[in-house]
Amino acid sequence: WWRVMVVAIAVFSAMATPTGDPLTMGALALPI
């Protein structure tokens, strides 16, 4: 499932971060 999970984590990071900037999204998605 790793491909689906990577996409799902990226979408979740974009929706969950309140600031919406790419830096915060990447800082959340990469560790997950």
PDB file of all heavy atoms in Angstrom:
ATOM      1  N   TRP A   1       0.808  -1.220   0.000  1.00  0.00           N
ATOM      2  CA  TRP A   1       0.000   0.000   0.000  1.00  0.00           C
ATOM      3  C   TRP A   1       0.838   1.266   0.000  1.00  0.00           C
ATOM      4  O   TRP A   1       0.284   2.355   0.148  1.00  0.00           O
ATOM      5  CB  TRP A   1      -0.906   0.027   1.225  1.00  0.00           C
ATOM      6  CG  TRP A   1      -1.899  -1.081   1.301  1.00  0.00           C
ATOM      7  CD1 TRP A   1      -2.310  -1.901   0.292  1.00  0.00           C
ATOM      8  CD2 TRP A   1      -2.606  -1.514   2.477  1.00  0.00           C
ATOM      9  NE1 TRP A   1      -3.224  -2.817   0.749  1.00  0.00           N
ATOM     10  CE2 TRP A   1      -3.434  -2.615   2.086  1.00  0.00           C
ATOM     11  CE3 TRP A   1      -2.623  -1.103   3.802  1.00  0.00           C
ATOM     12  CZ2 TRP A   1      -4.262  -3.280   2.989  1.00  0.00           C
ATOM     13  CZ3 TRP A   1      -3.454  -1.759   4.695  1.00  0.00           C
ATOM     14  CH2 TRP A   1      -4.265  -2.835   4.288  1.00  0.00           C
ATOM     15  N   TRP A   2       2.150   1.194  -0.144  1.00  0.00           N
ATOM     16  CA  TRP A   2       2.984   2.355   0.140  1.00  0.00           C
ATOM     17  C   TRP A   2       2.674   3.524  -0.807  1.00  0.00           C
ATOM     18  O   TRP A   2       2.725   4.693  -0.385  1.00  0.00           O
ATOM     19  CB  TRP A   2       4.466   1.966   0.066  1.00  0.00           C
ATOM     20  CG  TRP A   2       5.013   1.744  -1.317  1.00  0.00           C
ATOM     21  CD1 TRP A   2       5.059   0.579  -2.004  1.00  0.00           C
ATOM     22  CD2 TRP A   2       5.605   2.734  -2.163  1.00  0.00           C
ATOM     23  NE1 TRP A   2       5.646   0.764  -3.234  1.00  0.00           N
ATOM     24  CE2 TRP A   2       5.993   2.082  -3.362  1.00  0.00           C
ATOM     25  CE3 TRP A   2       5.862   4.101  -2.032  1.00  0.00           C
ATOM     26  CZ2 TRP A   2       6.605   2.754  -4.403  1.00  0.00           C
ATOM     27  CZ3 TRP A   2       6.473   4.767  -3.077  1.00  0.00           C
ATOM     28  CH2 TRP A   2       6.834   4.101  -4.239  1.00  0.00           C
ATOM     29  N   ARG A   3       2.349   3.260  -2.063  1.00  0.00           N
ATOM     30  CA  ARG A   3       2.043   4.362  -2.987  1.00  0.00           C
ATOM     31  C   ARG A   3       0.770   5.086  -2.565  1.00  0.00           C
ATOM     32  O   ARG A   3       0.723   6.325  -2.536  1.00  0.00           O
ATOM     33  CB  ARG A   3       1.906   3.826  -4.412  1.00  0.00           C
ATOM     34  CG  ARG A   3       3.179   3.242  -4.993  1.00  0.00           C
ATOM     35  CD  ARG A   3       2.946   2.709  -6.382  1.00  0.00           C
ATOM     36  NE  ARG A   3       4.151   2.133  -6.972  1.00  0.00           N
ATOM     37  CZ  ARG A   3       4.551   0.883  -6.771  1.00  0.00           C
ATOM     38  NH1 ARG A   3       3.831   0.075  -5.992  1.00  0.00           N
ATOM     39  NH2 ARG A   3       5.665   0.438  -7.326  1.00  0.00           N
ATOM     40  N   VAL A   4      -0.257   4.306  -2.242  1.00  0.00           N
ATOM     41  CA  VAL A   4      -1.523   4.917  -1.812  1.00  0.00           C
ATOM     42  C   VAL A   4      -1.335   5.669  -0.498  1.00  0.00           C
ATOM     43  O   VAL A   4      -1.888   6.764  -0.305  1.00  0.00           O
ATOM     44  CB  VAL A   4      -2.607   3.832  -1.685  1.00  0.00           C
ATOM     45  CG1 VAL A   4      -3.917   4.417  -1.178  1.00  0.00           C
ATOM     46  CG2 VAL A   4      -2.823   3.125  -3.017  1.00  0.00           C
ATOM     47  N   MET A   5      -0.550   5.114   0.402  1.00  0.00           N
ATOM     48  CA  MET A   5      -0.346   5.752   1.697  1.00  0.00           C
ATOM     49  C   MET A   5       0.436   7.054   1.562  1.00  0.00           C
ATOM     50  O   MET A   5       0.140   8.042   2.265  1.00  0.00           O
ATOM     51  CB  MET A   5       0.383   4.792   2.635  1.00  0.00           C
ATOM     52  CG  MET A   5      -0.461   3.614   3.096  1.00  0.00           C
ATOM     53  SD  MET A   5      -1.944   4.109   3.998  1.00  0.00           S
ATOM     54  CE  MET A   5      -1.224   4.966   5.404  1.00  0.00           C
ATOM     55  N   VAL A   6       1.421   7.093   0.690  1.00  0.00           N
ATOM     56  CA  VAL A   6       2.183   8.331   0.500  1.00  0.00           C
ATOM     57  C   VAL A   6       1.275   9.438  -0.023  1.00  0.00           C
ATOM     58  O   VAL A   6       1.318  10.587   0.446  1.00  0.00           O
ATOM     59  CB  VAL A   6       3.369   8.083  -0.453  1.00  0.00           C
ATOM     60  CG1 VAL A   6       4.005   9.397  -0.875  1.00  0.00           C
ATOM     61  CG2 VAL A   6       4.414   7.200   0.224  1.00  0.00           C
ATOM     62  N   VAL A   7       0.423   9.098  -0.990  1.00  0.00           N
ATOM     63  CA  VAL A   7      -0.520  10.102  -1.508  1.00  0.00           C
ATOM     64  C   VAL A   7      -1.510  10.516  -0.429  1.00  0.00           C
ATOM     65  O   VAL A   7      -1.823  11.707  -0.274  1.00  0.00           O
ATOM     66  CB  VAL A   7      -1.252   9.542  -2.748  1.00  0.00           C
ATOM     67  CG1 VAL A   7      -2.324  10.511  -3.225  1.00  0.00           C
ATOM     68  CG2 VAL A   7      -0.258   9.264  -3.867  1.00  0.00           C
ATOM     69  N   ALA A   8      -2.012   9.551   0.339  1.00  0.00           N
ATOM     70  CA  ALA A   8      -2.966   9.864   1.403  1.00  0.00           C
ATOM     71  C   ALA A   8      -2.333  10.748   2.478  1.00  0.00           C
ATOM     72  O   ALA A   8      -2.973  11.672   2.996  1.00  0.00           O
ATOM     73  CB  ALA A   8      -3.500   8.581   2.013  1.00  0.00           C
ATOM     74  N   ILE A   9      -1.071  10.487   2.816  1.00  0.00           N
ATOM     75  CA  ILE A   9      -0.384  11.305   3.814  1.00  0.00           C
ATOM     76  C   ILE A   9      -0.183  12.724   3.300  1.00  0.00           C
ATOM     77  O   ILE A   9      -0.345  13.703   4.046  1.00  0.00           O
ATOM     78  CB  ILE A   9       0.966  10.645   4.191  1.00  0.00           C
ATOM     79  CG1 ILE A   9       0.719   9.365   4.979  1.00  0.00           C
ATOM     80  CG2 ILE A   9       1.832  11.608   4.989  1.00  0.00           C
ATOM     81  CD1 ILE A   9       1.975   8.548   5.217  1.00  0.00           C
ATOM     82  N   ALA A  10       0.147  12.852   2.009  1.00  0.00           N
ATOM     83  CA  ALA A  10       0.307  14.195   1.427  1.00  0.00           C
ATOM     84  C   ALA A  10      -1.010  14.968   1.448  1.00  0.00           C
ATOM     85  O   ALA A  10      -1.040  16.159   1.784  1.00  0.00           O
ATOM     86  CB  ALA A  10       0.848  14.081   0.005  1.00  0.00           C
ATOM     87  N   VAL A  11      -2.112  14.299   1.091  1.00  0.00           N
ATOM     88  CA  VAL A  11      -3.418  14.964   1.117  1.00  0.00           C
ATOM     89  C   VAL A  11      -3.807  15.333   2.543  1.00  0.00           C
ATOM     90  O   VAL A  11      -4.325  16.427   2.811  1.00  0.00           O
ATOM     91  CB  VAL A  11      -4.480  14.051   0.471  1.00  0.00           C
ATOM     92  CG1 VAL A  11      -5.874  14.651   0.623  1.00  0.00           C
ATOM     93  CG2 VAL A  11      -4.158  13.831  -0.998  1.00  0.00           C
ATOM     94  N   PHE A  12      -3.556  14.415   3.483  1.00  0.00           N
ATOM     95  CA  PHE A  12      -3.872  14.704   4.879  1.00  0.00           C
ATOM     96  C   PHE A  12      -3.062  15.888   5.393  1.00  0.00           C
ATOM     97  O   PHE A  12      -3.591  16.758   6.105  1.00  0.00           O
ATOM     98  CB  PHE A  12      -3.584  13.465   5.728  1.00  0.00           C
ATOM     99  CG  PHE A  12      -3.596  13.727   7.210  1.00  0.00           C
ATOM    100  CD1 PHE A  12      -4.790  13.848   7.898  1.00  0.00           C
ATOM    101  CD2 PHE A  12      -2.405  13.857   7.916  1.00  0.00           C
ATOM    102  CE1 PHE A  12      -4.801  14.100   9.255  1.00  0.00           C
ATOM    103  CE2 PHE A  12      -2.407  14.098   9.270  1.00  0.00           C
ATOM    104  CZ  PHE A  12      -3.608  14.221   9.943  1.00  0.00           C
ATOM    105  N   SER A  13      -1.795  15.958   5.037  1.00  0.00           N
ATOM    106  CA  SER A  13      -0.955  17.074   5.483  1.00  0.00           C
ATOM    107  C   SER A  13      -1.453  18.398   4.914  1.00  0.00           C
ATOM    108  O   SER A  13      -1.443  19.419   5.601  1.00  0.00           O
ATOM    109  CB  SER A  13       0.500  16.823   5.072  1.00  0.00           C
ATOM    110  OG  SER A  13       0.973  15.614   5.612  1.00  0.00           O
ATOM    111  N   ALA A  14      -1.900  18.385   3.657  1.00  0.00           N
ATOM    112  CA  ALA A  14      -2.408  19.612   3.056  1.00  0.00           C
ATOM    113  C   ALA A  14      -3.695  20.082   3.721  1.00  0.00           C
ATOM    114  O   ALA A  14      -3.931  21.283   3.868  1.00  0.00           O
ATOM    115  CB  ALA A  14      -2.639  19.398   1.561  1.00  0.00           C
ATOM    116  N   MET A  15      -4.545  19.132   4.138  1.00  0.00           N
ATOM    117  CA  MET A  15      -5.812  19.501   4.748  1.00  0.00           C
ATOM    118  C   MET A  15      -5.684  19.807   6.229  1.00  0.00           C
ATOM    119  O   MET A  15      -6.456  20.605   6.776  1.00  0.00           O
ATOM    120  CB  MET A  15      -6.829  18.369   4.543  1.00  0.00           C
ATOM    121  CG  MET A  15      -7.153  18.071   3.101  1.00  0.00           C
ATOM    122  SD  MET A  15      -8.285  16.667   2.922  1.00  0.00           S
ATOM    123  CE  MET A  15      -9.704  17.257   3.839  1.00  0.00           C
ATOM    124  N   ALA A  16      -4.717  19.189   6.900  1.00  0.00           N
ATOM    125  CA  ALA A  16      -4.638  19.307   8.351  1.00  0.00           C
ATOM    126  C   ALA A  16      -3.852  20.528   8.810  1.00  0.00           C
ATOM    127  O   ALA A  16      -4.138  21.086   9.880  1.00  0.00           O
ATOM    128  CB  ALA A  16      -4.013  18.042   8.957  1.00  0.00           C
ATOM    129  N   THR A  17      -2.851  20.944   8.063  1.00  0.00           N
ATOM    130  CA  THR A  17      -2.042  22.075   8.496  1.00  0.00           C
ATOM    131  C   THR A  17      -2.839  23.370   8.362  1.00  0.00           C
ATOM    132  O   THR A  17      -3.346  23.677   7.284  1.00  0.00           O
ATOM    133  CB  THR A  17      -0.758  22.179   7.664  1.00  0.00           C
ATOM    134  OG1 THR A  17      -1.106  22.137   6.271  1.00  0.00           O
ATOM    135  CG2 THR A  17       0.166  21.014   7.969  1.00  0.00           C
ATOM    136  N   PRO A  18      -2.965  24.145   9.428  1.00  0.00           N
ATOM    137  CA  PRO A  18      -3.781  25.361   9.365  1.00  0.00           C
ATOM    138  C   PRO A  18      -3.156  26.470   8.543  1.00  0.00           C
ATOM    139  O   PRO A  18      -3.857  27.306   7.988  1.00  0.00           O
ATOM    140  CB  PRO A  18      -3.917  25.776  10.837  1.00  0.00           C
ATOM    141  CG  PRO A  18      -2.725  25.183  11.504  1.00  0.00           C
ATOM    142  CD  PRO A  18      -2.422  23.909  10.772  1.00  0.00           C
ATOM    143  N   THR A  19      -1.817  26.502   8.442  1.00  0.00           N
ATOM    144  CA  THR A  19      -1.181  27.578   7.687  1.00  0.00           C
ATOM    145  C   THR A  19      -1.295  27.376   6.184  1.00  0.00           C
ATOM    146  O   THR A  19      -1.396  28.338   5.429  1.00  0.00           O
ATOM    147  CB  THR A  19       0.297  27.679   8.074  1.00  0.00           C
ATOM    148  OG1 THR A  19       0.932  26.405   7.846  1.00  0.00           O
ATOM    149  CG2 THR A  19       0.444  28.049   9.542  1.00  0.00           C
ATOM    150  N   GLY A  20      -1.260  26.126   5.730  1.00  0.00           N
ATOM    151  CA  GLY A  20      -1.418  25.837   4.316  1.00  0.00           C
ATOM    152  C   GLY A  20      -0.190  26.072   3.465  1.00  0.00           C
ATOM    153  O   GLY A  20      -0.259  25.915   2.242  1.00  0.00           O
ATOM    154  N   ASP A  21       0.929  26.419   4.061  1.00  0.00           N
ATOM    155  CA  ASP A  21       2.133  26.661   3.266  1.00  0.00           C
ATOM    156  C   ASP A  21       2.843  25.344   2.985  1.00  0.00           C
ATOM    157  O   ASP A  21       2.748  24.389   3.766  1.00  0.00           O
ATOM    158  CB  ASP A  21       3.068  27.613   4.011  1.00  0.00           C
ATOM    159  CG  ASP A  21       3.509  27.046   5.350  1.00  0.00           C
ATOM    160  OD1 ASP A  21       2.644  26.947   6.251  1.00  0.00           O
ATOM    161  OD2 ASP A  21       4.679  26.685   5.505  1.00  0.00           O
ATOM    162  N   PRO A  22       3.576  25.255   1.869  1.00  0.00           N
ATOM    163  CA  PRO A  22       4.250  23.996   1.519  1.00  0.00           C
ATOM    164  C   PRO A  22       5.285  23.566   2.541  1.00  0.00           C
ATOM    165  O   PRO A  22       5.519  22.365   2.709  1.00  0.00           O
ATOM    166  CB  PRO A  22       4.901  24.308   0.166  1.00  0.00           C
ATOM    167  CG  PRO A  22       4.114  25.452  -0.389  1.00  0.00           C
ATOM    168  CD  PRO A  22       3.699  26.260   0.798  1.00  0.00           C
ATOM    169  N   LEU A  23       5.928  24.516   3.224  1.00  0.00           N
ATOM    170  CA  LEU A  23       6.953  24.148   4.196  1.00  0.00           C
ATOM    171  C   LEU A  23       6.353  23.349   5.351  1.00  0.00           C
ATOM    172  O   LEU A  23       6.884  22.297   5.744  1.00  0.00           O
ATOM    173  CB  LEU A  23       7.631  25.415   4.729  1.00  0.00           C
ATOM    174  CG  LEU A  23       8.704  25.202   5.801  1.00  0.00           C
ATOM    175  CD1 LEU A  23       9.849  24.367   5.233  1.00  0.00           C
ATOM    176  CD2 LEU A  23       9.221  26.532   6.318  1.00  0.00           C
ATOM    177  N   THR A  24       5.241  23.822   5.903  1.00  0.00           N
ATOM    178  CA  THR A  24       4.603  23.113   7.010  1.00  0.00           C
ATOM    179  C   THR A  24       4.047  21.775   6.549  1.00  0.00           C
ATOM    180  O   THR A  24       4.120  20.771   7.267  1.00  0.00           O
ATOM    181  CB  THR A  24       3.483  23.976   7.605  1.00  0.00           C
ATOM    182  OG1 THR A  24       3.996  25.263   7.920  1.00  0.00           O
ATOM    183  CG2 THR A  24       2.926  23.340   8.866  1.00  0.00           C
ATOM    184  N   MET A  25       3.480  21.745   5.351  1.00  0.00           N
ATOM    185  CA  MET A  25       2.960  20.486   4.809  1.00  0.00           C
ATOM    186  C   MET A  25       4.072  19.453   4.651  1.00  0.00           C
ATOM    187  O   MET A  25       3.916  18.283   5.015  1.00  0.00           O
ATOM    188  CB  MET A  25       2.279  20.748   3.475  1.00  0.00           C
ATOM    189  CG  MET A  25       1.011  21.576   3.563  1.00  0.00           C
ATOM    190  SD  MET A  25       0.499  22.250   1.950  1.00  0.00           S
ATOM    191  CE  MET A  25       0.563  20.791   0.927  1.00  0.00           C
ATOM    192  N   GLY A  26       5.207  19.882   4.112  1.00  0.00           N
ATOM    193  CA  GLY A  26       6.321  18.956   3.956  1.00  0.00           C
ATOM    194  C   GLY A  26       6.900  18.516   5.288  1.00  0.00           C
ATOM    195  O   GLY A  26       7.307  17.359   5.440  1.00  0.00           O
ATOM    196  N   ALA A  27       6.945  19.446   6.253  1.00  0.00           N
ATOM    197  CA  ALA A  27       7.470  19.093   7.577  1.00  0.00           C
ATOM    198  C   ALA A  27       6.596  18.076   8.282  1.00  0.00           C
ATOM    199  O   ALA A  27       7.076  17.316   9.124  1.00  0.00           O
ATOM    200  CB  ALA A  27       7.593  20.353   8.437  1.00  0.00           C
ATOM    201  N   LEU A  28       5.303  18.043   7.957  1.00  0.00           N
ATOM    202  CA  LEU A  28       4.415  17.042   8.539  1.00  0.00           C
ATOM    203  C   LEU A  28       4.425  15.750   7.737  1.00  0.00           C
ATOM    204  O   LEU A  28       4.434  14.654   8.319  1.00  0.00           O
ATOM    205  CB  LEU A  28       2.988  17.602   8.616  1.00  0.00           C
ATOM    206  CG  LEU A  28       1.906  16.639   9.116  1.00  0.00           C
ATOM    207  CD1 LEU A  28       2.222  16.165  10.529  1.00  0.00           C
ATOM    208  CD2 LEU A  28       0.541  17.299   9.066  1.00  0.00           C
ATOM    209  N   ALA A  29       4.438  15.844   6.401  1.00  0.00           N
ATOM    210  CA  ALA A  29       4.308  14.645   5.571  1.00  0.00           C
ATOM    211  C   ALA A  29       5.564  13.788   5.595  1.00  0.00           C
ATOM    212  O   ALA A  29       5.475  12.555   5.688  1.00  0.00           O
ATOM    213  CB  ALA A  29       3.978  15.051   4.133  1.00  0.00           C
ATOM    214  N   LEU A  30       6.749  14.400   5.526  1.00  0.00           N
ATOM    215  CA  LEU A  30       7.981  13.624   5.441  1.00  0.00           C
ATOM    216  C   LEU A  30       8.210  12.736   6.667  1.00  0.00           C
ATOM    217  O   LEU A  30       8.488  11.532   6.514  1.00  0.00           O
ATOM    218  CB  LEU A  30       9.170  14.563   5.223  1.00  0.00           C
ATOM    219  CG  LEU A  30      10.538  13.892   5.082  1.00  0.00           C
ATOM    220  CD1 LEU A  30      10.538  12.933   3.903  1.00  0.00           C
ATOM    221  CD2 LEU A  30      11.638  14.931   4.923  1.00  0.00           C
ATOM    222  N   PRO A  31       8.092  13.242   7.905  1.00  0.00           N
ATOM    223  CA  PRO A  31       8.282  12.333   9.044  1.00  0.00           C
ATOM    224  C   PRO A  31       7.252  11.209   9.104  1.00  0.00           C
ATOM    225  O   PRO A  31       7.575  10.087   9.491  1.00  0.00           O
ATOM    226  CB  PRO A  31       8.156  13.262  10.264  1.00  0.00           C
ATOM    227  CG  PRO A  31       8.422  14.625   9.748  1.00  0.00           C
ATOM    228  CD  PRO A  31       7.903  14.626   8.350  1.00  0.00           C
ATOM    229  N   ILE A  32       5.992  11.497   8.706  1.00  0.00           N
ATOM    230  CA  ILE A  32       4.973  10.447   8.749  1.00  0.00           C
ATOM    231  C   ILE A  32       5.288   9.346   7.745  1.00  0.00           C
ATOM    232  O   ILE A  32       5.103   8.158   8.030  1.00  0.00           O
ATOM    233  CB  ILE A  32       3.581  11.050   8.477  1.00  0.00           C
ATOM    234  CG1 ILE A  32       3.229  12.073   9.548  1.00  0.00           C
ATOM    235  CG2 ILE A  32       2.520   9.964   8.453  1.00  0.00           C
ATOM    236  CD1 ILE A  32       1.901  12.748   9.328  1.00  0.00           C
TER     237      ILE A  32
END
